[in-house]
Amino acid sequence: MLYKTHGTCSHQISFNLQDGKIHNLQFVGGCNGNLKGISSLVEGMNANEVMAKLEGIRCGLKSTSCPDQLAKAIKEALQRAE
């Protein structure tokens, strides 16, 4: 899945969705260390669980965040998989 983010410092998210689990998550742009940490933490996790935990997180005064954008990307990937 390749997802173009909106309203964040990162501008793209890519990951594989296999058997409902997240694999090979990568962000382009954004806070490198934090996003590598998120990528490591969600590796192999159930996509629905990741989406539920990250959806709605805000970054400062922005209406979204990189984790929130990941939740949106996962939602889109799950809808495509149906």
PDB file of N, CA and C in Angstrom:
ATOM      1  N   MET A   1       0.857  -1.183   0.000  1.00  0.00           N
ATOM      2  CA  MET A   1       0.000   0.000   0.000  1.00  0.00           C
ATOM      3  C   MET A   1       0.892   1.231   0.000  1.00  0.00           C
ATOM      4  N   LEU A   2       0.576   2.154  -0.850  1.00  0.00           N
ATOM      5  CA  LEU A   2       1.270   3.437  -0.895  1.00  0.00           C
ATOM      6  C   LEU A   2       0.226   4.511  -0.633  1.00  0.00           C
ATOM      7  N   TYR A   3       0.461   5.348   0.376  1.00  0.00           N
ATOM      8  CA  TYR A   3      -0.523   6.344   0.785  1.00  0.00           C
ATOM      9  C   TYR A   3       0.143   7.709   0.875  1.00  0.00           C
ATOM     10  N   LYS A   4      -0.431   8.698   0.193  1.00  0.00           N
ATOM     11  CA  LYS A   4       0.061  10.081   0.264  1.00  0.00           C
ATOM     12  C   LYS A   4      -0.630  10.751   1.445  1.00  0.00           C
ATOM     13  N   THR A   5       0.162  11.220   2.394  1.00  0.00           N
ATOM     14  CA  THR A   5      -0.391  11.828   3.604  1.00  0.00           C
ATOM     15  C   THR A   5      -0.859  13.255   3.339  1.00  0.00           C
ATOM     16  N   HIS A   6      -1.669  13.770   4.255  1.00  0.00           N
ATOM     17  CA  HIS A   6      -2.205  15.130   4.168  1.00  0.00           C
ATOM     18  C   HIS A   6      -2.078  15.799   5.528  1.00  0.00           C
ATOM     19  N   GLY A   7      -1.462  16.979   5.561  1.00  0.00           N
ATOM     20  CA  GLY A   7      -1.401  17.768   6.781  1.00  0.00           C
ATOM     21  C   GLY A   7      -0.316  17.383   7.759  1.00  0.00           C
ATOM     22  N   THR A   8       0.672  16.610   7.303  1.00  0.00           N
ATOM     23  CA  THR A   8       1.761  16.201   8.195  1.00  0.00           C
ATOM     24  C   THR A   8       3.116  16.473   7.557  1.00  0.00           C
ATOM     25  N   CYS A   9       4.159  16.391   8.366  1.00  0.00           N
ATOM     26  CA  CYS A   9       5.519  16.567   7.857  1.00  0.00           C
ATOM     27  C   CYS A   9       5.931  15.402   6.962  1.00  0.00           C
ATOM     28  N   SER A  10       5.494  14.202   7.306  1.00  0.00           N
ATOM     29  CA  SER A  10       5.743  13.074   6.400  1.00  0.00           C
ATOM     30  C   SER A  10       4.812  13.248   5.201  1.00  0.00           C
ATOM     31  N   HIS A  11       5.244  12.798   4.045  1.00  0.00           N
ATOM     32  CA  HIS A  11       4.393  12.987   2.880  1.00  0.00           C
ATOM     33  C   HIS A  11       3.986  11.681   2.206  1.00  0.00           C
ATOM     34  N   GLN A  12       4.477  10.571   2.738  1.00  0.00           N
ATOM     35  CA  GLN A  12       4.089   9.290   2.157  1.00  0.00           C
ATOM     36  C   GLN A  12       4.295   8.169   3.164  1.00  0.00           C
ATOM     37  N   ILE A  13       3.399   7.175   3.108  1.00  0.00           N
ATOM     38  CA  ILE A  13       3.486   5.989   3.947  1.00  0.00           C
ATOM     39  C   ILE A  13       3.378   4.783   3.039  1.00  0.00           C
ATOM     40  N   SER A  14       4.228   3.799   3.277  1.00  0.00           N
ATOM     41  CA  SER A  14       4.099   2.546   2.539  1.00  0.00           C
ATOM     42  C   SER A  14       4.160   1.385   3.521  1.00  0.00           C
ATOM     43  N   PHE A  15       3.403   0.337   3.228  1.00  0.00           N
ATOM     44  CA  PHE A  15       3.408  -0.865   4.056  1.00  0.00           C
ATOM     45  C   PHE A  15       2.755  -2.000   3.286  1.00  0.00           C
ATOM     46  N   ASN A  16       2.971  -3.192   3.774  1.00  0.00           N
ATOM     47  CA  ASN A  16       2.303  -4.377   3.235  1.00  0.00           C
ATOM     48  C   ASN A  16       1.269  -4.829   4.243  1.00  0.00           C
ATOM     49  N   LEU A  17       0.164  -5.300   3.741  1.00  0.00           N
ATOM     50  CA  LEU A  17      -0.899  -5.852   4.572  1.00  0.00           C
ATOM     51  C   LEU A  17      -1.023  -7.324   4.186  1.00  0.00           C
ATOM     52  N   GLN A  18      -0.626  -8.205   5.112  1.00  0.00           N
ATOM     53  CA  GLN A  18      -0.660  -9.640   4.852  1.00  0.00           C
ATOM     54  C   GLN A  18      -1.423 -10.332   5.963  1.00  0.00           C
ATOM     55  N   ASP A  19      -2.470 -11.038   5.592  1.00  0.00           N
ATOM     56  CA  ASP A  19      -3.306 -11.747   6.567  1.00  0.00           C
ATOM     57  C   ASP A  19      -3.779 -10.818   7.684  1.00  0.00           C
ATOM     58  N   GLY A  20      -4.097  -9.568   7.307  1.00  0.00           N
ATOM     59  CA  GLY A  20      -4.609  -8.604   8.275  1.00  0.00           C
ATOM     60  C   GLY A  20      -3.564  -8.007   9.195  1.00  0.00           C
ATOM     61  N   LYS A  21      -2.289  -8.224   8.891  1.00  0.00           N
ATOM     62  CA  LYS A  21      -1.201  -7.710   9.729  1.00  0.00           C
ATOM     63  C   LYS A  21      -0.322  -6.744   8.940  1.00  0.00           C
ATOM     64  N   ILE A  22       0.252  -5.783   9.668  1.00  0.00           N
ATOM     65  CA  ILE A  22       1.108  -4.750   9.077  1.00  0.00           C
ATOM     66  C   ILE A  22       2.549  -5.255   8.966  1.00  0.00           C
ATOM     67  N   HIS A  23       3.156  -5.048   7.794  1.00  0.00           N
ATOM     68  CA  HIS A  23       4.559  -5.423   7.575  1.00  0.00           C
ATOM     69  C   HIS A  23       5.252  -4.347   6.750  1.00  0.00           C
ATOM     70  N   ASN A  24       6.549  -4.176   7.005  1.00  0.00           N
ATOM     71  CA  ASN A  24       7.408  -3.288   6.201  1.00  0.00           C
ATOM     72  C   ASN A  24       6.918  -1.841   6.153  1.00  0.00           C
ATOM     73  N   LEU A  25       6.455  -1.319   7.276  1.00  0.00           N
ATOM     74  CA  LEU A  25       5.973   0.059   7.329  1.00  0.00           C
ATOM     75  C   LEU A  25       7.129   1.036   7.195  1.00  0.00           C
ATOM     76  N   GLN A  26       6.963   2.015   6.301  1.00  0.00           N
ATOM     77  CA  GLN A  26       7.955   3.071   6.122  1.00  0.00           C
ATOM     78  C   GLN A  26       7.253   4.401   5.878  1.00  0.00           C
ATOM     79  N   PHE A  27       7.790   5.438   6.498  1.00  0.00           N
ATOM     80  CA  PHE A  27       7.330   6.806   6.271  1.00  0.00           C
ATOM     81  C   PHE A  27       8.398   7.535   5.471  1.00  0.00           C
ATOM     82  N   VAL A  28       7.976   8.440   4.592  1.00  0.00           N
ATOM     83  CA  VAL A  28       8.903   9.319   3.876  1.00  0.00           C
ATOM     84  C   VAL A  28       8.695  10.716   4.439  1.00  0.00           C
ATOM     85  N   GLY A  29       9.770  11.303   4.970  1.00  0.00           N
ATOM     86  CA  GLY A  29       9.685  12.603   5.616  1.00  0.00           C
ATOM     87  C   GLY A  29       9.250  12.440   7.061  1.00  0.00           C
ATOM     88  N   GLY A  30       9.071  13.545   7.734  1.00  0.00           N
ATOM     89  CA  GLY A  30       8.620  13.511   9.119  1.00  0.00           C
ATOM     90  C   GLY A  30       9.761  13.344  10.110  1.00  0.00           C
ATOM     91  N   CYS A  31       9.432  13.072  11.335  1.00  0.00           N
ATOM     92  CA  CYS A  31      10.392  12.918  12.433  1.00  0.00           C
ATOM     93  C   CYS A  31      10.986  11.512  12.386  1.00  0.00           C
ATOM     94  N   ASN A  32      12.137  11.395  11.808  1.00  0.00           N
ATOM     95  CA  ASN A  32      12.748  10.120  11.477  1.00  0.00           C
ATOM     96  C   ASN A  32      12.758   9.119  12.631  1.00  0.00           C
ATOM     97  N   GLY A  33      13.281   9.500  13.774  1.00  0.00           N
ATOM     98  CA  GLY A  33      13.379   8.570  14.900  1.00  0.00           C
ATOM     99  C   GLY A  33      12.027   8.107  15.404  1.00  0.00           C
ATOM    100  N   ASN A  34      11.109   9.042  15.575  1.00  0.00           N
ATOM    101  CA  ASN A  34       9.774   8.683  16.062  1.00  0.00           C
ATOM    102  C   ASN A  34       9.053   7.755  15.088  1.00  0.00           C
ATOM    103  N   LEU A  35       9.178   8.036  13.807  1.00  0.00           N
ATOM    104  CA  LEU A  35       8.467   7.229  12.825  1.00  0.00           C
ATOM    105  C   LEU A  35       9.103   5.858  12.646  1.00  0.00           C
ATOM    106  N   LYS A  36      10.412   5.768  12.816  1.00  0.00           N
ATOM    107  CA  LYS A  36      11.061   4.448  12.826  1.00  0.00           C
ATOM    108  C   LYS A  36      10.586   3.649  14.038  1.00  0.00           C
ATOM    109  N   GLY A  37      10.393   4.338  15.162  1.00  0.00           N
ATOM    110  CA  GLY A  37       9.886   3.679  16.362  1.00  0.00           C
ATOM    111  C   GLY A  37       8.489   3.138  16.154  1.00  0.00           C
ATOM    112  N   ILE A  38       7.607   3.942  15.566  1.00  0.00           N
ATOM    113  CA  ILE A  38       6.244   3.482  15.278  1.00  0.00           C
ATOM    114  C   ILE A  38       6.294   2.286  14.334  1.00  0.00           C
ATOM    115  N   SER A  39       7.125   2.374  13.312  1.00  0.00           N
ATOM    116  CA  SER A  39       7.242   1.279  12.347  1.00  0.00           C
ATOM    117  C   SER A  39       7.661  -0.007  13.026  1.00  0.00           C
ATOM    118  N   SER A  40       8.605   0.079  13.919  1.00  0.00           N
ATOM    119  CA  SER A  40       9.081  -1.101  14.647  1.00  0.00           C
ATOM    120  C   SER A  40       8.006  -1.656  15.578  1.00  0.00           C
ATOM    121  N   LEU A  41       7.291  -0.778  16.253  1.00  0.00           N
ATOM    122  CA  LEU A  41       6.261  -1.212  17.201  1.00  0.00           C
ATOM    123  C   LEU A  41       5.091  -1.909  16.531  1.00  0.00           C
ATOM    124  N   VAL A  42       4.690  -1.471  15.354  1.00  0.00           N
ATOM    125  CA  VAL A  42       3.495  -2.042  14.717  1.00  0.00           C
ATOM    126  C   VAL A  42       3.811  -3.229  13.808  1.00  0.00           C
ATOM    127  N   GLU A  43       5.077  -3.528  13.580  1.00  0.00           N
ATOM    128  CA  GLU A  43       5.449  -4.660  12.715  1.00  0.00           C
ATOM    129  C   GLU A  43       4.779  -5.940  13.205  1.00  0.00           C
ATOM    130  N   GLY A  44       4.016  -6.562  12.318  1.00  0.00           N
ATOM    131  CA  GLY A  44       3.355  -7.821  12.622  1.00  0.00           C
ATOM    132  C   GLY A  44       2.065  -7.705  13.418  1.00  0.00           C
ATOM    133  N   MET A  45       1.675  -6.476  13.764  1.00  0.00           N
ATOM    134  CA  MET A  45       0.442  -6.280  14.536  1.00  0.00           C
ATOM    135  C   MET A  45      -0.790  -6.351  13.640  1.00  0.00           C
ATOM    136  N   ASN A  46      -1.905  -6.678  14.253  1.00  0.00           N
ATOM    137  CA  ASN A  46      -3.185  -6.690  13.576  1.00  0.00           C
ATOM    138  C   ASN A  46      -3.529  -5.274  13.121  1.00  0.00           C
ATOM    139  N   ALA A  47      -3.873  -5.127  11.843  1.00  0.00           N
ATOM    140  CA  ALA A  47      -4.134  -3.812  11.265  1.00  0.00           C
ATOM    141  C   ALA A  47      -5.289  -3.094  11.952  1.00  0.00           C
ATOM    142  N   ASN A  48      -6.342  -3.818  12.300  1.00  0.00           N
ATOM    143  CA  ASN A  48      -7.482  -3.184  12.965  1.00  0.00           C
ATOM    144  C   ASN A  48      -7.103  -2.648  14.338  1.00  0.00           C
ATOM    145  N   GLU A  49      -6.254  -3.362  15.061  1.00  0.00           N
ATOM    146  CA  GLU A  49      -5.805  -2.896  16.376  1.00  0.00           C
ATOM    147  C   GLU A  49      -4.954  -1.634  16.253  1.00  0.00           C
ATOM    148  N   VAL A  50      -4.051  -1.635  15.277  1.00  0.00           N
ATOM    149  CA  VAL A  50      -3.202  -0.456  15.053  1.00  0.00           C
ATOM    150  C   VAL A  50      -4.077   0.741  14.698  1.00  0.00           C
ATOM    151  N   MET A  51      -5.019   0.538  13.800  1.00  0.00           N
ATOM    152  CA  MET A  51      -5.908   1.618  13.374  1.00  0.00           C
ATOM    153  C   MET A  51      -6.682   2.175  14.567  1.00  0.00           C
ATOM    154  N   ALA A  52      -7.226   1.321  15.403  1.00  0.00           N
ATOM    155  CA  ALA A  52      -8.016   1.752  16.558  1.00  0.00           C
ATOM    156  C   ALA A  52      -7.179   2.553  17.548  1.00  0.00           C
ATOM    157  N   LYS A  53      -5.924   2.179  17.729  1.00  0.00           N
ATOM    158  CA  LYS A  53      -5.061   2.873  18.692  1.00  0.00           C
ATOM    159  C   LYS A  53      -4.577   4.227  18.186  1.00  0.00           C
ATOM    160  N   LEU A  54      -4.388   4.357  16.877  1.00  0.00           N
ATOM    161  CA  LEU A  54      -3.764   5.569  16.330  1.00  0.00           C
ATOM    162  C   LEU A  54      -4.741   6.599  15.785  1.00  0.00           C
ATOM    163  N   GLU A  55      -5.940   6.167  15.457  1.00  0.00           N
ATOM    164  CA  GLU A  55      -6.921   7.068  14.853  1.00  0.00           C
ATOM    165  C   GLU A  55      -7.250   8.236  15.783  1.00  0.00           C
ATOM    166  N   GLY A  56      -7.200   9.448  15.239  1.00  0.00           N
ATOM    167  CA  GLY A  56      -7.584  10.639  15.989  1.00  0.00           C
ATOM    168  C   GLY A  56      -6.459  11.325  16.738  1.00  0.00           C
ATOM    169  N   ILE A  57      -5.250  10.744  16.737  1.00  0.00           N
ATOM    170  CA  ILE A  57      -4.120  11.400  17.405  1.00  0.00           C
ATOM    171  C   ILE A  57      -3.771  12.672  16.637  1.00  0.00           C
ATOM    172  N   ARG A  58      -3.551  13.745  17.382  1.00  0.00           N
ATOM    173  CA  ARG A  58      -3.224  15.031  16.769  1.00  0.00           C
ATOM    174  C   ARG A  58      -1.780  15.403  17.074  1.00  0.00           C
ATOM    175  N   CYS A  59      -1.192  16.216  16.212  1.00  0.00           N
ATOM    176  CA  CYS A  59       0.167  16.718  16.399  1.00  0.00           C
ATOM    177  C   CYS A  59       0.071  18.228  16.626  1.00  0.00           C
ATOM    178  N   GLY A  60       0.305  18.644  17.867  1.00  0.00           N
ATOM    179  CA  GLY A  60       0.205  20.066  18.183  1.00  0.00           C
ATOM    180  C   GLY A  60      -1.172  20.600  17.859  1.00  0.00           C
ATOM    181  N   LEU A  61      -1.215  21.693  17.112  1.00  0.00           N
ATOM    182  CA  LEU A  61      -2.485  22.313  16.749  1.00  0.00           C
ATOM    183  C   LEU A  61      -3.067  21.757  15.446  1.00  0.00           C
ATOM    184  N   LYS A  62      -2.336  20.839  14.808  1.00  0.00           N
ATOM    185  CA  LYS A  62      -2.828  20.248  13.567  1.00  0.00           C
ATOM    186  C   LYS A  62      -4.013  19.339  13.862  1.00  0.00           C
ATOM    187  N   SER A  63      -4.867  19.149  12.880  1.00  0.00           N
ATOM    188  CA  SER A  63      -6.043  18.296  13.054  1.00  0.00           C
ATOM    189  C   SER A  63      -5.718  16.821  12.837  1.00  0.00           C
ATOM    190  N   THR A  64      -4.461  16.509  12.511  1.00  0.00           N
ATOM    191  CA  THR A  64      -4.032  15.142  12.253  1.00  0.00           C
ATOM    192  C   THR A  64      -2.600  14.964  12.735  1.00  0.00           C
ATOM    193  N   SER A  65      -2.033  13.803  12.486  1.00  0.00           N
ATOM    194  CA  SER A  65      -0.647  13.492  12.846  1.00  0.00           C
ATOM    195  C   SER A  65      -0.190  12.350  11.962  1.00  0.00           C
ATOM    196  N   CYS A  66       1.092  12.018  12.026  1.00  0.00           N
ATOM    197  CA  CYS A  66       1.574  10.866  11.265  1.00  0.00           C
ATOM    198  C   CYS A  66       0.885   9.574  11.715  1.00  0.00           C
ATOM    199  N   PRO A  67       0.720   9.334  13.026  1.00  0.00           N
ATOM    200  CA  PRO A  67      -0.022   8.132  13.430  1.00  0.00           C
ATOM    201  C   PRO A  67      -1.469   8.131  12.925  1.00  0.00           C
ATOM    202  N   ASP A  68      -2.135   9.277  12.968  1.00  0.00           N
ATOM    203  CA  ASP A  68      -3.506   9.375  12.460  1.00  0.00           C
ATOM    204  C   ASP A  68      -3.538   9.099  10.963  1.00  0.00           C
ATOM    205  N   GLN A  69      -2.556   9.605  10.234  1.00  0.00           N
ATOM    206  CA  GLN A  69      -2.494   9.350   8.797  1.00  0.00           C
ATOM    207  C   GLN A  69      -2.255   7.866   8.524  1.00  0.00           C
ATOM    208  N   LEU A  70      -1.475   7.213   9.372  1.00  0.00           N
ATOM    209  CA  LEU A  70      -1.288   5.770   9.240  1.00  0.00           C
ATOM    210  C   LEU A  70      -2.621   5.055   9.435  1.00  0.00           C
ATOM    211  N   ALA A  71      -3.397   5.468  10.415  1.00  0.00           N
ATOM    212  CA  ALA A  71      -4.714   4.866  10.633  1.00  0.00           C
ATOM    213  C   ALA A  71      -5.583   5.024   9.394  1.00  0.00           C
ATOM    214  N   LYS A  72      -5.542   6.181   8.758  1.00  0.00           N
ATOM    215  CA  LYS A  72      -6.323   6.415   7.535  1.00  0.00           C
ATOM    216  C   LYS A  72      -5.824   5.520   6.395  1.00  0.00           C
ATOM    217  N   ALA A  73      -4.510   5.364   6.299  1.00  0.00           N
ATOM    218  CA  ALA A  73      -3.934   4.506   5.258  1.00  0.00           C
ATOM    219  C   ALA A  73      -4.349   3.051   5.472  1.00  0.00           C
ATOM    220  N   ILE A  74      -4.342   2.605   6.712  1.00  0.00           N
ATOM    221  CA  ILE A  74      -4.749   1.233   7.029  1.00  0.00           C
ATOM    222  C   ILE A  74      -6.214   1.032   6.672  1.00  0.00           C
ATOM    223  N   LYS A  75      -7.047   1.996   7.028  1.00  0.00           N
ATOM    224  CA  LYS A  75      -8.482   1.904   6.720  1.00  0.00           C
ATOM    225  C   LYS A  75      -8.686   1.760   5.212  1.00  0.00           C
ATOM    226  N   GLU A  76      -7.978   2.556   4.444  1.00  0.00           N
ATOM    227  CA  GLU A  76      -8.077   2.497   2.985  1.00  0.00           C
ATOM    228  C   GLU A  76      -7.600   1.130   2.468  1.00  0.00           C
ATOM    229  N   ALA A  77      -6.495   0.633   3.001  1.00  0.00           N
ATOM    230  CA  ALA A  77      -5.962  -0.663   2.578  1.00  0.00           C
ATOM    231  C   ALA A  77      -6.939  -1.794   2.900  1.00  0.00           C
ATOM    232  N   LEU A  78      -7.553  -1.736   4.066  1.00  0.00           N
ATOM    233  CA  LEU A  78      -8.519  -2.764   4.450  1.00  0.00           C
ATOM    234  C   LEU A  78      -9.752  -2.726   3.554  1.00  0.00           C
ATOM    235  N   GLN A  79     -10.196  -1.534   3.183  1.00  0.00           N
ATOM    236  CA  GLN A  79     -11.347  -1.408   2.286  1.00  0.00           C
ATOM    237  C   GLN A  79     -11.032  -1.960   0.911  1.00  0.00           C
ATOM    238  N   ARG A  80      -9.814  -1.733   0.444  1.00  0.00           N
ATOM    239  CA  ARG A  80      -9.401  -2.255  -0.873  1.00  0.00           C
ATOM    240  C   ARG A  80      -9.327  -3.782  -0.850  1.00  0.00           C
ATOM    241  N   ALA A  81      -8.962  -4.339   0.302  1.00  0.00           N
ATOM    242  CA  ALA A  81      -8.789  -5.789   0.425  1.00  0.00           C
ATOM    243  C   ALA A  81     -10.127  -6.537   0.461  1.00  0.00           C
ATOM    244  N   GLU A  82     -11.222  -5.828   0.709  1.00  0.00           N
ATOM    245  CA  GLU A  82     -12.536  -6.486   0.799  1.00  0.00           C
ATOM    246  C   GLU A  82     -13.035  -6.957  -0.534  1.00  0.00           C
TER     247      GLU A  82
END
